[in-house]
Amino acid sequence: MDTDIVPATVADLHQVLADHHRYWGERDLRALHLTALVREFPGTCLTARAADGIRGYLVGFVTPDGTGYVHLVATRDDARGTGLGRRLWAAFATAAEARGARRLKAVTSPGNTGSIAFHRSLGFTAETVADHDGPGVPRVVFRRGLPFGADA
């Protein structure tokens, strides 16, 4: 099935939230879906769109120090294992690099073993940082340089 990766819209974000369980299962991450990010960073927030709807999405931006930061990336339950997550990251890396990014970064919880394995397969290093999101709230921080080439 053909899937186009295009800039995300606020309407896309609303659709993703309506189908939240298809992307995140039992984890309730709706509060992390910030409309402001889609409005303010339209070139680095992406939707993977196909005839059957939104198959995946990525919400990211470039920081002033040249880091392409991905806040959220998800594929729909029936699109996992198709390479779509890798394609979303590659599209984001291209957009971020065009906006001056020199490195990439993302964060997840230590229990998200699928995300950790996925990001390592893309060439990211993974470091657990104690108290990253406050006292007693560790996170795994992913980092890698650009370009996002054949090693991804």
N, C-alpha and C. Protein backbone atom coordinates (compact mmCIF):
# COMPACT_ATOMS: atom_id res chain seq x y z
N MET A 1 0.84 -1.18 0.00
CA MET A 1 0.00 0.00 0.00
C MET A 1 0.89 1.24 0.00
N ASP A 2 0.60 2.17 -0.88
CA ASP A 2 1.36 3.41 -0.97
C ASP A 2 1.10 4.28 0.26
N THR A 3 2.17 4.79 0.83
CA THR A 3 2.09 5.68 1.98
C THR A 3 2.95 6.89 1.69
N ASP A 4 2.35 8.07 1.77
CA ASP A 4 3.05 9.32 1.56
C ASP A 4 3.36 9.96 2.90
N ILE A 5 4.58 10.43 3.07
CA ILE A 5 4.94 11.16 4.27
C ILE A 5 4.88 12.64 3.94
N VAL A 6 3.99 13.33 4.65
CA VAL A 6 3.68 14.73 4.38
C VAL A 6 3.68 15.51 5.69
N PRO A 7 3.76 16.85 5.62
CA PRO A 7 3.65 17.63 6.86
C PRO A 7 2.33 17.35 7.57
N ALA A 8 2.41 17.22 8.88
CA ALA A 8 1.22 16.97 9.70
C ALA A 8 0.39 18.24 9.84
N THR A 9 -0.89 18.06 10.00
CA THR A 9 -1.82 19.16 10.28
C THR A 9 -2.45 18.94 11.65
N VAL A 10 -3.07 19.99 12.16
CA VAL A 10 -3.80 19.86 13.43
C VAL A 10 -4.92 18.84 13.27
N ALA A 11 -5.57 18.80 12.11
CA ALA A 11 -6.62 17.80 11.87
C ALA A 11 -6.04 16.38 11.94
N ASP A 12 -4.82 16.19 11.44
CA ASP A 12 -4.16 14.88 11.56
C ASP A 12 -3.98 14.51 13.03
N LEU A 13 -3.53 15.46 13.82
CA LEU A 13 -3.32 15.21 15.24
C LEU A 13 -4.63 14.82 15.92
N HIS A 14 -5.70 15.50 15.57
CA HIS A 14 -7.02 15.16 16.13
C HIS A 14 -7.43 13.74 15.72
N GLN A 15 -7.15 13.36 14.48
CA GLN A 15 -7.48 12.00 14.03
C GLN A 15 -6.66 10.95 14.78
N VAL A 16 -5.38 11.24 14.95
CA VAL A 16 -4.52 10.33 15.71
C VAL A 16 -5.04 10.17 17.13
N LEU A 17 -5.46 11.26 17.75
CA LEU A 17 -6.00 11.17 19.11
C LEU A 17 -7.30 10.37 19.16
N ALA A 18 -8.12 10.49 18.13
CA ALA A 18 -9.36 9.71 18.07
C ALA A 18 -9.07 8.21 17.96
N ASP A 19 -7.96 7.88 17.32
CA ASP A 19 -7.55 6.48 17.13
C ASP A 19 -6.36 6.12 18.02
N HIS A 20 -6.19 6.80 19.12
CA HIS A 20 -5.02 6.68 19.98
C HIS A 20 -4.63 5.24 20.26
N HIS A 21 -5.58 4.40 20.56
CA HIS A 21 -5.29 3.00 20.90
C HIS A 21 -4.62 2.23 19.76
N ARG A 22 -4.87 2.65 18.51
CA ARG A 22 -4.26 1.98 17.36
C ARG A 22 -2.76 2.22 17.29
N TYR A 23 -2.31 3.31 17.88
CA TYR A 23 -0.89 3.67 17.87
C TYR A 23 -0.17 3.31 19.17
N TRP A 24 -0.88 3.42 20.28
CA TRP A 24 -0.23 3.31 21.58
C TRP A 24 -0.77 2.18 22.45
N GLY A 25 -1.76 1.43 22.01
CA GLY A 25 -2.31 0.35 22.81
C GLY A 25 -2.91 0.87 24.10
N GLU A 26 -2.55 0.24 25.19
CA GLU A 26 -3.11 0.60 26.50
C GLU A 26 -2.45 1.82 27.14
N ARG A 27 -1.29 2.24 26.61
CA ARG A 27 -0.61 3.41 27.18
C ARG A 27 -1.35 4.68 26.79
N ASP A 28 -1.69 5.49 27.77
CA ASP A 28 -2.40 6.74 27.48
C ASP A 28 -1.40 7.89 27.40
N LEU A 29 -1.03 8.22 26.16
CA LEU A 29 -0.07 9.30 25.93
C LEU A 29 -0.74 10.52 25.28
N ARG A 30 -2.04 10.61 25.39
CA ARG A 30 -2.74 11.72 24.75
C ARG A 30 -2.25 13.08 25.21
N ALA A 31 -1.88 13.21 26.47
CA ALA A 31 -1.43 14.50 27.00
C ALA A 31 -0.13 14.97 26.34
N LEU A 32 0.63 14.06 25.75
CA LEU A 32 1.88 14.44 25.08
C LEU A 32 1.67 14.97 23.67
N HIS A 33 0.47 14.84 23.15
CA HIS A 33 0.16 15.27 21.78
C HIS A 33 -0.20 16.75 21.78
N LEU A 34 0.81 17.59 21.67
CA LEU A 34 0.64 19.03 21.81
C LEU A 34 0.37 19.68 20.46
N THR A 35 -0.79 20.28 20.34
CA THR A 35 -1.16 20.98 19.12
C THR A 35 -0.15 22.06 18.78
N ALA A 36 0.38 22.72 19.79
CA ALA A 36 1.34 23.81 19.55
C ALA A 36 2.54 23.33 18.75
N LEU A 37 3.00 22.11 18.99
CA LEU A 37 4.16 21.61 18.25
C LEU A 37 3.84 21.47 16.76
N VAL A 38 2.67 20.97 16.46
CA VAL A 38 2.27 20.82 15.05
C VAL A 38 2.09 22.19 14.40
N ARG A 39 1.52 23.13 15.14
CA ARG A 39 1.33 24.49 14.59
C ARG A 39 2.65 25.22 14.38
N GLU A 40 3.57 25.10 15.33
CA GLU A 40 4.80 25.89 15.30
C GLU A 40 5.93 25.26 14.50
N PHE A 41 5.87 23.94 14.29
CA PHE A 41 6.94 23.24 13.57
C PHE A 41 6.36 22.40 12.43
N PRO A 42 5.67 23.05 11.50
CA PRO A 42 4.96 22.29 10.45
C PRO A 42 5.87 21.49 9.53
N GLY A 43 7.11 21.89 9.38
CA GLY A 43 8.00 21.17 8.47
C GLY A 43 8.66 19.95 9.08
N THR A 44 8.58 19.82 10.42
CA THR A 44 9.23 18.69 11.08
C THR A 44 8.24 17.81 11.85
N CYS A 45 6.98 18.09 11.73
CA CYS A 45 5.93 17.21 12.24
C CYS A 45 5.31 16.54 11.02
N LEU A 46 5.32 15.22 11.00
CA LEU A 46 5.01 14.48 9.77
C LEU A 46 3.91 13.46 9.98
N THR A 47 3.17 13.22 8.91
CA THR A 47 2.12 12.21 8.88
C THR A 47 2.39 11.26 7.74
N ALA A 48 2.25 9.96 8.01
CA ALA A 48 2.34 8.94 6.96
C ALA A 48 0.91 8.58 6.58
N ARG A 49 0.51 9.05 5.41
CA ARG A 49 -0.89 8.95 4.99
C ARG A 49 -1.02 7.95 3.85
N ALA A 50 -2.05 7.11 3.94
CA ALA A 50 -2.37 6.14 2.89
C ALA A 50 -3.88 6.19 2.64
N ALA A 51 -4.33 5.40 1.68
CA ALA A 51 -5.76 5.39 1.35
C ALA A 51 -6.61 5.00 2.55
N ASP A 52 -6.05 4.19 3.45
CA ASP A 52 -6.82 3.75 4.61
C ASP A 52 -6.59 4.61 5.85
N GLY A 53 -6.02 5.80 5.68
CA GLY A 53 -5.87 6.73 6.79
C GLY A 53 -4.43 6.97 7.19
N ILE A 54 -4.25 7.45 8.40
CA ILE A 54 -2.93 7.78 8.93
C ILE A 54 -2.30 6.50 9.47
N ARG A 55 -1.23 6.08 8.82
CA ARG A 55 -0.56 4.84 9.21
C ARG A 55 0.55 5.08 10.24
N GLY A 56 1.00 6.33 10.35
CA GLY A 56 2.01 6.67 11.33
C GLY A 56 2.22 8.17 11.37
N TYR A 57 2.94 8.62 12.38
CA TYR A 57 3.21 10.05 12.49
C TYR A 57 4.43 10.28 13.36
N LEU A 58 4.98 11.47 13.24
CA LEU A 58 6.14 11.89 14.01
C LEU A 58 5.98 13.36 14.34
N VAL A 59 6.21 13.70 15.59
CA VAL A 59 6.16 15.09 16.05
C VAL A 59 7.56 15.46 16.51
N GLY A 60 8.18 16.40 15.82
CA GLY A 60 9.54 16.80 16.16
C GLY A 60 9.82 18.24 15.81
N PHE A 61 11.00 18.70 16.22
CA PHE A 61 11.42 20.07 15.95
C PHE A 61 12.94 20.14 16.04
N VAL A 62 13.49 21.27 15.65
CA VAL A 62 14.93 21.51 15.75
C VAL A 62 15.17 22.55 16.83
N THR A 63 16.04 22.21 17.77
CA THR A 63 16.34 23.13 18.87
C THR A 63 17.35 24.19 18.41
N PRO A 64 17.47 25.28 19.14
CA PRO A 64 18.43 26.32 18.75
C PRO A 64 19.88 25.85 18.68
N ASP A 65 20.23 24.77 19.41
CA ASP A 65 21.61 24.29 19.37
C ASP A 65 21.85 23.26 18.26
N GLY A 66 20.87 23.06 17.38
CA GLY A 66 21.06 22.17 16.24
C GLY A 66 20.74 20.72 16.50
N THR A 67 19.84 20.46 17.43
CA THR A 67 19.41 19.09 17.70
C THR A 67 18.02 18.87 17.11
N GLY A 68 17.90 17.85 16.28
CA GLY A 68 16.58 17.43 15.78
C GLY A 68 15.97 16.53 16.82
N TYR A 69 14.98 17.03 17.54
CA TYR A 69 14.38 16.31 18.67
C TYR A 69 13.02 15.75 18.27
N VAL A 70 12.85 14.44 18.46
CA VAL A 70 11.56 13.82 18.19
C VAL A 70 10.84 13.61 19.51
N HIS A 71 9.69 14.26 19.61
CA HIS A 71 8.86 14.21 20.81
C HIS A 71 7.98 12.95 20.80
N LEU A 72 7.45 12.58 19.66
CA LEU A 72 6.61 11.39 19.51
C LEU A 72 6.82 10.79 18.13
N VAL A 73 6.85 9.48 18.06
CA VAL A 73 6.81 8.78 16.78
C VAL A 73 6.04 7.49 17.01
N ALA A 74 5.10 7.21 16.13
CA ALA A 74 4.28 6.00 16.30
C ALA A 74 3.79 5.51 14.95
N THR A 75 3.62 4.21 14.86
CA THR A 75 2.97 3.61 13.69
C THR A 75 1.72 2.89 14.16
N ARG A 76 0.74 2.88 13.29
CA ARG A 76 -0.52 2.21 13.60
C ARG A 76 -0.28 0.71 13.75
N ASP A 77 -1.10 0.05 14.53
CA ASP A 77 -0.90 -1.36 14.83
C ASP A 77 -0.75 -2.24 13.58
N ASP A 78 -1.45 -1.92 12.50
CA ASP A 78 -1.36 -2.74 11.29
C ASP A 78 -0.23 -2.32 10.35
N ALA A 79 0.57 -1.31 10.77
CA ALA A 79 1.68 -0.85 9.93
C ALA A 79 3.04 -1.18 10.55
N ARG A 80 3.04 -1.80 11.71
CA ARG A 80 4.30 -2.13 12.38
C ARG A 80 5.04 -3.22 11.61
N GLY A 81 6.34 -3.10 11.59
CA GLY A 81 7.17 -4.09 10.91
C GLY A 81 7.27 -3.89 9.41
N THR A 82 6.75 -2.76 8.92
CA THR A 82 6.78 -2.49 7.48
C THR A 82 7.92 -1.55 7.07
N GLY A 83 8.66 -1.04 8.04
CA GLY A 83 9.70 -0.06 7.76
C GLY A 83 9.20 1.37 7.82
N LEU A 84 7.94 1.56 8.15
CA LEU A 84 7.37 2.91 8.17
C LEU A 84 8.01 3.78 9.24
N GLY A 85 8.27 3.25 10.42
CA GLY A 85 8.93 4.04 11.46
C GLY A 85 10.29 4.53 11.01
N ARG A 86 11.03 3.67 10.34
CA ARG A 86 12.34 4.03 9.79
C ARG A 86 12.18 5.13 8.73
N ARG A 87 11.17 5.02 7.88
CA ARG A 87 10.92 6.04 6.85
C ARG A 87 10.54 7.38 7.48
N LEU A 88 9.74 7.36 8.55
CA LEU A 88 9.39 8.59 9.24
C LEU A 88 10.63 9.26 9.83
N TRP A 89 11.49 8.47 10.47
CA TRP A 89 12.73 9.02 11.02
C TRP A 89 13.61 9.60 9.92
N ALA A 90 13.73 8.89 8.80
CA ALA A 90 14.57 9.37 7.70
C ALA A 90 14.02 10.69 7.14
N ALA A 91 12.70 10.79 7.00
CA ALA A 91 12.09 12.03 6.50
C ALA A 91 12.31 13.16 7.49
N PHE A 92 12.18 12.85 8.79
CA PHE A 92 12.43 13.87 9.80
C PHE A 92 13.89 14.32 9.76
N ALA A 93 14.81 13.37 9.66
CA ALA A 93 16.23 13.71 9.64
C ALA A 93 16.55 14.64 8.48
N THR A 94 15.98 14.37 7.32
CA THR A 94 16.19 15.23 6.15
C THR A 94 15.66 16.64 6.42
N ALA A 95 14.44 16.72 6.97
CA ALA A 95 13.84 18.03 7.27
C ALA A 95 14.62 18.75 8.35
N ALA A 96 15.06 18.03 9.37
CA ALA A 96 15.81 18.65 10.47
C ALA A 96 17.16 19.15 9.98
N GLU A 97 17.84 18.34 9.17
CA GLU A 97 19.14 18.75 8.66
C GLU A 97 19.02 20.00 7.79
N ALA A 98 17.95 20.08 7.02
CA ALA A 98 17.71 21.27 6.19
C ALA A 98 17.48 22.52 7.04
N ARG A 99 17.11 22.32 8.31
CA ARG A 99 16.88 23.43 9.23
C ARG A 99 18.06 23.63 10.18
N GLY A 100 19.21 23.04 9.85
CA GLY A 100 20.42 23.27 10.61
C GLY A 100 20.77 22.24 11.67
N ALA A 101 20.01 21.17 11.77
CA ALA A 101 20.33 20.15 12.78
C ALA A 101 21.61 19.42 12.41
N ARG A 102 22.38 19.09 13.44
CA ARG A 102 23.62 18.33 13.27
C ARG A 102 23.57 17.00 14.00
N ARG A 103 22.54 16.82 14.83
CA ARG A 103 22.38 15.60 15.60
C ARG A 103 20.90 15.35 15.84
N LEU A 104 20.59 14.12 16.26
CA LEU A 104 19.22 13.73 16.54
C LEU A 104 19.09 13.24 17.98
N LYS A 105 17.90 13.41 18.54
CA LYS A 105 17.67 13.00 19.93
C LYS A 105 16.21 12.62 20.12
N ALA A 106 15.99 11.65 21.00
CA ALA A 106 14.64 11.27 21.41
C ALA A 106 14.75 10.68 22.81
N VAL A 107 13.62 10.52 23.48
CA VAL A 107 13.59 10.03 24.86
C VAL A 107 12.43 9.05 25.00
N THR A 108 12.63 8.01 25.82
CA THR A 108 11.54 7.09 26.14
C THR A 108 11.70 6.62 27.58
N SER A 109 10.72 5.88 28.05
CA SER A 109 10.79 5.30 29.39
C SER A 109 11.61 4.02 29.35
N PRO A 110 12.29 3.67 30.45
CA PRO A 110 13.13 2.48 30.46
C PRO A 110 12.38 1.18 30.15
N GLY A 111 11.10 1.12 30.43
CA GLY A 111 10.33 -0.09 30.17
C GLY A 111 9.88 -0.26 28.73
N ASN A 112 10.11 0.74 27.89
CA ASN A 112 9.67 0.68 26.50
C ASN A 112 10.73 -0.04 25.67
N THR A 113 10.81 -1.35 25.85
CA THR A 113 11.86 -2.14 25.21
C THR A 113 11.76 -2.14 23.69
N GLY A 114 10.54 -2.05 23.15
CA GLY A 114 10.39 -1.99 21.71
C GLY A 114 11.01 -0.73 21.13
N SER A 115 10.77 0.40 21.78
CA SER A 115 11.35 1.66 21.32
C SER A 115 12.87 1.64 21.45
N ILE A 116 13.37 1.08 22.53
CA ILE A 116 14.82 1.03 22.73
C ILE A 116 15.47 0.19 21.62
N ALA A 117 14.92 -0.97 21.34
CA ALA A 117 15.47 -1.82 20.28
C ALA A 117 15.37 -1.14 18.91
N PHE A 118 14.22 -0.51 18.63
CA PHE A 118 14.03 0.18 17.36
C PHE A 118 15.06 1.28 17.17
N HIS A 119 15.23 2.14 18.17
CA HIS A 119 16.16 3.25 18.03
C HIS A 119 17.61 2.78 17.94
N ARG A 120 17.95 1.74 18.66
CA ARG A 120 19.31 1.18 18.52
C ARG A 120 19.52 0.66 17.10
N SER A 121 18.48 0.07 16.50
CA SER A 121 18.61 -0.44 15.13
C SER A 121 18.82 0.69 14.13
N LEU A 122 18.45 1.91 14.51
CA LEU A 122 18.65 3.09 13.66
C LEU A 122 20.00 3.76 13.91
N GLY A 123 20.81 3.17 14.77
CA GLY A 123 22.14 3.73 15.02
C GLY A 123 22.21 4.69 16.19
N PHE A 124 21.16 4.78 16.98
CA PHE A 124 21.18 5.65 18.16
C PHE A 124 21.91 4.96 19.30
N THR A 125 22.61 5.75 20.12
CA THR A 125 23.08 5.26 21.40
C THR A 125 21.92 5.44 22.38
N ALA A 126 21.90 4.63 23.42
CA ALA A 126 20.83 4.72 24.42
C ALA A 126 21.47 4.80 25.80
N GLU A 127 21.15 5.86 26.52
CA GLU A 127 21.69 6.07 27.86
C GLU A 127 20.53 6.30 28.83
N THR A 128 20.49 5.52 29.90
CA THR A 128 19.47 5.75 30.93
C THR A 128 19.96 6.87 31.84
N VAL A 129 19.12 7.90 31.97
CA VAL A 129 19.45 9.08 32.77
C VAL A 129 18.51 9.11 33.97
N ALA A 130 19.07 8.93 35.16
CA ALA A 130 18.27 8.97 36.39
C ALA A 130 17.70 10.37 36.57
N ASP A 131 16.50 10.43 37.09
CA ASP A 131 15.84 11.71 37.42
C ASP A 131 15.67 12.63 36.21
N HIS A 132 15.67 12.08 34.99
CA HIS A 132 15.56 12.89 33.78
C HIS A 132 14.29 13.74 33.78
N ASP A 133 13.18 13.15 34.17
CA ASP A 133 11.91 13.88 34.17
C ASP A 133 11.44 14.20 35.59
N GLY A 134 12.38 14.36 36.51
CA GLY A 134 12.08 14.67 37.90
C GLY A 134 12.61 13.58 38.81
N PRO A 135 12.56 13.82 40.12
CA PRO A 135 13.08 12.85 41.07
C PRO A 135 12.42 11.47 40.89
N GLY A 136 13.25 10.46 40.72
CA GLY A 136 12.74 9.10 40.58
C GLY A 136 12.10 8.78 39.25
N VAL A 137 12.30 9.64 38.24
CA VAL A 137 11.70 9.41 36.92
C VAL A 137 12.82 9.32 35.88
N PRO A 138 13.39 8.12 35.73
CA PRO A 138 14.45 7.96 34.73
C PRO A 138 13.88 7.90 33.33
N ARG A 139 14.72 8.21 32.35
CA ARG A 139 14.36 8.09 30.94
C ARG A 139 15.58 7.56 30.19
N VAL A 140 15.31 6.91 29.08
CA VAL A 140 16.36 6.49 28.17
C VAL A 140 16.47 7.58 27.12
N VAL A 141 17.67 8.13 26.97
CA VAL A 141 17.92 9.21 26.01
C VAL A 141 18.67 8.62 24.83
N PHE A 142 18.11 8.81 23.63
CA PHE A 142 18.72 8.34 22.39
C PHE A 142 19.42 9.51 21.71
N ARG A 143 20.63 9.24 21.19
CA ARG A 143 21.37 10.27 20.45
C ARG A 143 22.08 9.63 19.27
N ARG A 144 22.17 10.39 18.20
CA ARG A 144 22.99 9.99 17.05
C ARG A 144 23.26 11.22 16.21
N GLY A 145 24.33 11.14 15.43
CA GLY A 145 24.69 12.25 14.56
C GLY A 145 23.95 12.18 13.24
N LEU A 146 24.11 13.23 12.49
CA LEU A 146 23.60 13.29 11.12
C LEU A 146 24.82 13.25 10.20
N PRO A 147 24.73 12.81 8.99
CA PRO A 147 23.48 12.49 8.30
C PRO A 147 22.92 11.13 8.70
N PHE A 148 21.68 10.95 8.37
CA PHE A 148 20.92 9.73 8.66
C PHE A 148 20.98 8.89 7.40
N GLY A 149 22.08 8.20 7.22
CA GLY A 149 22.33 7.52 5.94
C GLY A 149 22.11 6.04 5.99
N ALA A 150 22.98 5.34 5.31
CA ALA A 150 22.86 3.90 5.13
C ALA A 150 22.96 3.13 6.44
N ASP A 151 23.54 3.75 7.49
CA ASP A 151 23.68 3.05 8.75
C ASP A 151 22.37 3.04 9.54
N ALA A 152 21.33 3.67 9.04
CA ALA A 152 20.07 3.75 9.77
C ALA A 152 19.13 2.64 9.39
